Amino acid sequence: MPAVIEVSCINCDMCVPECPNDAISLGAKHYEVDPTLCTECVGYYDKPTCIAVCPIDCIYLEPSN
């Protein structure tokens, strides 16, 4: 379940330096998460750090099917 950044992202840059896998980059209009790189911070942190540092709560884990 990779992290997903909603369109309400304000591009504040808080999440980018926190990602241990360099999975977050600037997309066409807002930051996006590369699902092939996102590991939900497993092996680095207890929970996804991008979610923890986001000041507007626009990042969530994609539900599994």
PDB file of N, CA and C in Angstrom:
ATOM      1  N   MET A   1       0.829  -1.176   0.000  1.00  0.00           N
ATOM      2  CA  MET A   1       0.000   0.000   0.000  1.00  0.00           C
ATOM      3  C   MET A   1       0.881   1.250   0.000  1.00  0.00           C
ATOM      4  N   PRO A   2       1.219   1.775  -1.150  1.00  0.00           N
ATOM      5  CA  PRO A   2       2.045   2.978  -1.157  1.00  0.00           C
ATOM      6  C   PRO A   2       1.264   4.201  -0.698  1.00  0.00           C
ATOM      7  N   ALA A   3       1.979   5.206  -0.303  1.00  0.00           N
ATOM      8  CA  ALA A   3       1.360   6.476   0.072  1.00  0.00           C
ATOM      9  C   ALA A   3       0.864   7.183  -1.176  1.00  0.00           C
ATOM     10  N   VAL A   4      -0.179   7.972  -0.993  1.00  0.00           N
ATOM     11  CA  VAL A   4      -0.766   8.755  -2.075  1.00  0.00           C
ATOM     12  C   VAL A   4      -0.884  10.194  -1.582  1.00  0.00           C
ATOM     13  N   ILE A   5      -0.568  11.142  -2.445  1.00  0.00           N
ATOM     14  CA  ILE A   5      -0.695  12.556  -2.106  1.00  0.00           C
ATOM     15  C   ILE A   5      -1.869  13.119  -2.894  1.00  0.00           C
ATOM     16  N   GLU A   6      -2.831  13.704  -2.181  1.00  0.00           N
ATOM     17  CA  GLU A   6      -4.025  14.255  -2.813  1.00  0.00           C
ATOM     18  C   GLU A   6      -3.723  15.563  -3.530  1.00  0.00           C
ATOM     19  N   VAL A   7      -4.645  15.980  -4.388  1.00  0.00           N
ATOM     20  CA  VAL A   7      -4.477  17.223  -5.143  1.00  0.00           C
ATOM     21  C   VAL A   7      -4.506  18.448  -4.239  1.00  0.00           C
ATOM     22  N   SER A   8      -4.930  18.296  -2.998  1.00  0.00           N
ATOM     23  CA  SER A   8      -4.939  19.428  -2.070  1.00  0.00           C
ATOM     24  C   SER A   8      -3.534  19.772  -1.563  1.00  0.00           C
ATOM     25  N   CYS A   9      -2.533  19.028  -1.988  1.00  0.00           N
ATOM     26  CA  CYS A   9      -1.137  19.281  -1.617  1.00  0.00           C
ATOM     27  C   CYS A   9      -0.758  20.714  -1.982  1.00  0.00           C
ATOM     28  N   ILE A  10      -0.096  21.405  -1.055  1.00  0.00           N
ATOM     29  CA  ILE A  10       0.314  22.794  -1.286  1.00  0.00           C
ATOM     30  C   ILE A  10       1.805  22.913  -1.632  1.00  0.00           C
ATOM     31  N   ASN A  11       2.457  21.797  -1.890  1.00  0.00           N
ATOM     32  CA  ASN A  11       3.874  21.772  -2.261  1.00  0.00           C
ATOM     33  C   ASN A  11       4.753  22.467  -1.230  1.00  0.00           C
ATOM     34  N   CYS A  12       4.534  22.162   0.020  1.00  0.00           N
ATOM     35  CA  CYS A  12       5.264  22.822   1.104  1.00  0.00           C
ATOM     36  C   CYS A  12       6.676  22.268   1.300  1.00  0.00           C
ATOM     37  N   ASP A  13       6.982  21.135   0.688  1.00  0.00           N
ATOM     38  CA  ASP A  13       8.303  20.502   0.750  1.00  0.00           C
ATOM     39  C   ASP A  13       8.610  19.789   2.065  1.00  0.00           C
ATOM     40  N   MET A  14       7.651  19.637   2.951  1.00  0.00           N
ATOM     41  CA  MET A  14       7.910  18.965   4.227  1.00  0.00           C
ATOM     42  C   MET A  14       8.193  17.474   4.041  1.00  0.00           C
ATOM     43  N   CYS A  15       7.497  16.826   3.131  1.00  0.00           N
ATOM     44  CA  CYS A  15       7.610  15.375   2.988  1.00  0.00           C
ATOM     45  C   CYS A  15       8.847  14.915   2.222  1.00  0.00           C
ATOM     46  N   VAL A  16       9.291  15.711   1.276  1.00  0.00           N
ATOM     47  CA  VAL A  16      10.377  15.283   0.380  1.00  0.00           C
ATOM     48  C   VAL A  16      11.644  14.873   1.124  1.00  0.00           C
ATOM     49  N   PRO A  17      12.194  15.708   2.001  1.00  0.00           N
ATOM     50  CA  PRO A  17      13.435  15.300   2.673  1.00  0.00           C
ATOM     51  C   PRO A  17      13.248  14.178   3.694  1.00  0.00           C
ATOM     52  N   GLU A  18      12.010  13.913   4.082  1.00  0.00           N
ATOM     53  CA  GLU A  18      11.739  12.864   5.070  1.00  0.00           C
ATOM     54  C   GLU A  18      11.675  11.466   4.468  1.00  0.00           C
ATOM     55  N   CYS A  19      11.488  11.365   3.163  1.00  0.00           N
ATOM     56  CA  CYS A  19      11.329  10.059   2.517  1.00  0.00           C
ATOM     57  C   CYS A  19      12.679   9.357   2.383  1.00  0.00           C
ATOM     58  N   PRO A  20      12.850   8.209   3.043  1.00  0.00           N
ATOM     59  CA  PRO A  20      14.131   7.505   2.982  1.00  0.00           C
ATOM     60  C   PRO A  20      14.390   6.813   1.650  1.00  0.00           C
ATOM     61  N   ASN A  21      13.367   6.726   0.819  1.00  0.00           N
ATOM     62  CA  ASN A  21      13.493   6.018  -0.456  1.00  0.00           C
ATOM     63  C   ASN A  21      13.465   6.934  -1.672  1.00  0.00           C
ATOM     64  N   ASP A  22      13.452   8.247  -1.452  1.00  0.00           N
ATOM     65  CA  ASP A  22      13.357   9.206  -2.554  1.00  0.00           C
ATOM     66  C   ASP A  22      12.170   8.904  -3.473  1.00  0.00           C
ATOM     67  N   ALA A  23      11.042   8.527  -2.867  1.00  0.00           N
ATOM     68  CA  ALA A  23       9.858   8.155  -3.630  1.00  0.00           C
ATOM     69  C   ALA A  23       8.961   9.348  -3.954  1.00  0.00           C
ATOM     70  N   ILE A  24       9.235  10.509  -3.358  1.00  0.00           N
ATOM     71  CA  ILE A  24       8.379  11.679  -3.551  1.00  0.00           C
ATOM     72  C   ILE A  24       9.075  12.675  -4.463  1.00  0.00           C
ATOM     73  N   SER A  25       8.344  13.113  -5.489  1.00  0.00           N
ATOM     74  CA  SER A  25       8.894  14.111  -6.408  1.00  0.00           C
ATOM     75  C   SER A  25       7.764  15.020  -6.879  1.00  0.00           C
ATOM     76  N   LEU A  26       8.150  16.165  -7.421  1.00  0.00           N
ATOM     77  CA  LEU A  26       7.174  17.126  -7.895  1.00  0.00           C
ATOM     78  C   LEU A  26       6.571  16.643  -9.201  1.00  0.00           C
ATOM     79  N   GLY A  27       5.255  16.514  -9.204  1.00  0.00           N
ATOM     80  CA  GLY A  27       4.537  16.126 -10.412  1.00  0.00           C
ATOM     81  C   GLY A  27       4.140  17.362 -11.201  1.00  0.00           C
ATOM     82  N   ALA A  28       3.149  17.223 -12.058  1.00  0.00           N
ATOM     83  CA  ALA A  28       2.702  18.337 -12.898  1.00  0.00           C
ATOM     84  C   ALA A  28       2.159  19.496 -12.070  1.00  0.00           C
ATOM     85  N   LYS A  29       1.428  19.190 -10.989  1.00  0.00           N
ATOM     86  CA  LYS A  29       0.824  20.252 -10.187  1.00  0.00           C
ATOM     87  C   LYS A  29       1.126  20.148  -8.700  1.00  0.00           C
ATOM     88  N   HIS A  30       1.445  18.959  -8.233  1.00  0.00           N
ATOM     89  CA  HIS A  30       1.738  18.765  -6.810  1.00  0.00           C
ATOM     90  C   HIS A  30       2.676  17.576  -6.658  1.00  0.00           C
ATOM     91  N   TYR A  31       3.153  17.385  -5.432  1.00  0.00           N
ATOM     92  CA  TYR A  31       4.046  16.252  -5.198  1.00  0.00           C
ATOM     93  C   TYR A  31       3.318  14.935  -5.401  1.00  0.00           C
ATOM     94  N   GLU A  32       4.055  13.936  -5.849  1.00  0.00           N
ATOM     95  CA  GLU A  32       3.514  12.606  -6.107  1.00  0.00           C
ATOM     96  C   GLU A  32       4.455  11.564  -5.514  1.00  0.00           C
ATOM     97  N   VAL A  33       3.902  10.392  -5.237  1.00  0.00           N
ATOM     98  CA  VAL A  33       4.688   9.287  -4.690  1.00  0.00           C
ATOM     99  C   VAL A  33       4.837   8.224  -5.767  1.00  0.00           C
ATOM    100  N   ASP A  34       6.052   7.785  -6.003  1.00  0.00           N
ATOM    101  CA  ASP A  34       6.311   6.687  -6.936  1.00  0.00           C
ATOM    102  C   ASP A  34       6.012   5.395  -6.189  1.00  0.00           C
ATOM    103  N   PRO A  35       4.939   4.687  -6.576  1.00  0.00           N
ATOM    104  CA  PRO A  35       4.553   3.480  -5.840  1.00  0.00           C
ATOM    105  C   PRO A  35       5.584   2.360  -5.909  1.00  0.00           C
ATOM    106  N   THR A  36       6.473   2.411  -6.893  1.00  0.00           N
ATOM    107  CA  THR A  36       7.507   1.370  -6.989  1.00  0.00           C
ATOM    108  C   THR A  36       8.636   1.601  -5.991  1.00  0.00           C
ATOM    109  N   LEU A  37       8.738   2.822  -5.461  1.00  0.00           N
ATOM    110  CA  LEU A  37       9.792   3.149  -4.496  1.00  0.00           C
ATOM    111  C   LEU A  37       9.286   3.225  -3.058  1.00  0.00           C
ATOM    112  N   CYS A  38       7.996   3.487  -2.885  1.00  0.00           N
ATOM    113  CA  CYS A  38       7.434   3.660  -1.541  1.00  0.00           C
ATOM    114  C   CYS A  38       7.356   2.325  -0.800  1.00  0.00           C
ATOM    115  N   THR A  39       7.946   2.291   0.392  1.00  0.00           N
ATOM    116  CA  THR A  39       7.909   1.087   1.230  1.00  0.00           C
ATOM    117  C   THR A  39       7.168   1.346   2.542  1.00  0.00           C
ATOM    118  N   GLU A  40       6.451   2.496   2.588  1.00  0.00           N
ATOM    119  CA  GLU A  40       5.759   2.909   3.812  1.00  0.00           C
ATOM    120  C   GLU A  40       6.753   3.080   4.960  1.00  0.00           C
ATOM    121  N   CYS A  41       7.978   3.355   4.641  1.00  0.00           N
ATOM    122  CA  CYS A  41       9.070   3.574   5.605  1.00  0.00           C
ATOM    123  C   CYS A  41       9.441   2.334   6.418  1.00  0.00           C
ATOM    124  N   VAL A  42       9.012   1.171   5.977  1.00  0.00           N
ATOM    125  CA  VAL A  42       9.357  -0.075   6.666  1.00  0.00           C
ATOM    126  C   VAL A  42      10.879  -0.217   6.687  1.00  0.00           C
ATOM    127  N   GLY A  43      11.400  -0.484   7.859  1.00  0.00           N
ATOM    128  CA  GLY A  43      12.835  -0.603   8.032  1.00  0.00           C
ATOM    129  C   GLY A  43      13.520   0.705   8.378  1.00  0.00           C
ATOM    130  N   TYR A  44      12.772   1.799   8.311  1.00  0.00           N
ATOM    131  CA  TYR A  44      13.322   3.113   8.634  1.00  0.00           C
ATOM    132  C   TYR A  44      12.611   3.747   9.827  1.00  0.00           C
ATOM    133  N   TYR A  45      11.271   3.775   9.758  1.00  0.00           N
ATOM    134  CA  TYR A  45      10.465   4.420  10.794  1.00  0.00           C
ATOM    135  C   TYR A  45       9.298   3.512  11.178  1.00  0.00           C
ATOM    136  N   ASP A  46       8.663   3.810  12.300  1.00  0.00           N
ATOM    137  CA  ASP A  46       7.524   3.011  12.764  1.00  0.00           C
ATOM    138  C   ASP A  46       6.275   3.215  11.921  1.00  0.00           C
ATOM    139  N   LYS A  47       6.153   4.383  11.300  1.00  0.00           N
ATOM    140  CA  LYS A  47       5.012   4.672  10.432  1.00  0.00           C
ATOM    141  C   LYS A  47       5.491   5.580   9.311  1.00  0.00           C
ATOM    142  N   PRO A  48       4.718   5.698   8.231  1.00  0.00           N
ATOM    143  CA  PRO A  48       5.148   6.539   7.112  1.00  0.00           C
ATOM    144  C   PRO A  48       5.387   7.984   7.555  1.00  0.00           C
ATOM    145  N   THR A  49       6.608   8.430   7.431  1.00  0.00           N
ATOM    146  CA  THR A  49       6.995   9.748   7.897  1.00  0.00           C
ATOM    147  C   THR A  49       6.361  10.860   7.076  1.00  0.00           C
ATOM    148  N   CYS A  50       6.126  10.639   5.806  1.00  0.00           N
ATOM    149  CA  CYS A  50       5.501  11.687   4.992  1.00  0.00           C
ATOM    150  C   CYS A  50       4.130  12.057   5.555  1.00  0.00           C
ATOM    151  N   ILE A  51       3.398  11.060   6.015  1.00  0.00           N
ATOM    152  CA  ILE A  51       2.078  11.301   6.603  1.00  0.00           C
ATOM    153  C   ILE A  51       2.225  12.060   7.912  1.00  0.00           C
ATOM    154  N   ALA A  52       3.197  11.690   8.694  1.00  0.00           N
ATOM    155  CA  ALA A  52       3.401  12.322  10.002  1.00  0.00           C
ATOM    156  C   ALA A  52       3.790  13.798   9.894  1.00  0.00           C
ATOM    157  N   VAL A  53       4.542  14.187   8.875  1.00  0.00           N
ATOM    158  CA  VAL A  53       5.014  15.571   8.770  1.00  0.00           C
ATOM    159  C   VAL A  53       4.120  16.468   7.917  1.00  0.00           C
ATOM    160  N   CYS A  54       3.154  15.917   7.230  1.00  0.00           N
ATOM    161  CA  CYS A  54       2.300  16.715   6.344  1.00  0.00           C
ATOM    162  C   CYS A  54       1.420  17.664   7.166  1.00  0.00           C
ATOM    163  N   PRO A  55       1.576  18.985   6.969  1.00  0.00           N
ATOM    164  CA  PRO A  55       0.809  19.931   7.774  1.00  0.00           C
ATOM    165  C   PRO A  55      -0.662  20.048   7.394  1.00  0.00           C
ATOM    166  N   ILE A  56      -1.038  19.549   6.221  1.00  0.00           N
ATOM    167  CA  ILE A  56      -2.449  19.663   5.831  1.00  0.00           C
ATOM    168  C   ILE A  56      -3.133  18.307   5.671  1.00  0.00           C
ATOM    169  N   ASP A  57      -2.478  17.250   6.089  1.00  0.00           N
ATOM    170  CA  ASP A  57      -3.057  15.897   6.053  1.00  0.00           C
ATOM    171  C   ASP A  57      -3.583  15.498   4.677  1.00  0.00           C
ATOM    172  N   CYS A  58      -2.764  15.709   3.653  1.00  0.00           N
ATOM    173  CA  CYS A  58      -3.195  15.344   2.303  1.00  0.00           C
ATOM    174  C   CYS A  58      -2.538  14.054   1.816  1.00  0.00           C
ATOM    175  N   ILE A  59      -1.837  13.345   2.703  1.00  0.00           N
ATOM    176  CA  ILE A  59      -1.180  12.093   2.337  1.00  0.00           C
ATOM    177  C   ILE A  59      -1.832  10.956   3.087  1.00  0.00           C
ATOM    178  N   TYR A  60      -2.109   9.870   2.384  1.00  0.00           N
ATOM    179  CA  TYR A  60      -2.720   8.704   3.020  1.00  0.00           C
ATOM    180  C   TYR A  60      -2.159   7.439   2.369  1.00  0.00           C
ATOM    181  N   LEU A  61      -2.374   6.310   3.025  1.00  0.00           N
ATOM    182  CA  LEU A  61      -1.960   5.030   2.447  1.00  0.00           C
ATOM    183  C   LEU A  61      -3.071   4.510   1.556  1.00  0.00           C
ATOM    184  N   GLU A  62      -2.698   4.099   0.373  1.00  0.00           N
ATOM    185  CA  GLU A  62      -3.663   3.556  -0.567  1.00  0.00           C
ATOM    186  C   GLU A  62      -4.214   2.245  -0.023  1.00  0.00           C
ATOM    187  N   PRO A  63      -5.535   2.117   0.042  1.00  0.00           N
ATOM    188  CA  PRO A  63      -6.091   0.858   0.571  1.00  0.00           C
ATOM    189  C   PRO A  63      -5.768  -0.314  -0.348  1.00  0.00           C
ATOM    190  N   SER A  64      -5.536  -1.465   0.251  1.00  0.00           N
ATOM    191  CA  SER A  64      -5.266  -2.664  -0.554  1.00  0.00           C
ATOM    192  C   SER A  64      -6.578  -3.255  -1.023  1.00  0.00           C
ATOM    193  N   ASN A  65      -6.527  -3.927  -2.146  1.00  0.00           N
ATOM    194  CA  ASN A  65      -7.747  -4.536  -2.727  1.00  0.00           C
ATOM    195  C   ASN A  65      -7.987  -5.901  -2.172  1.00  0.00           C
TER     196      ASN A  65
END
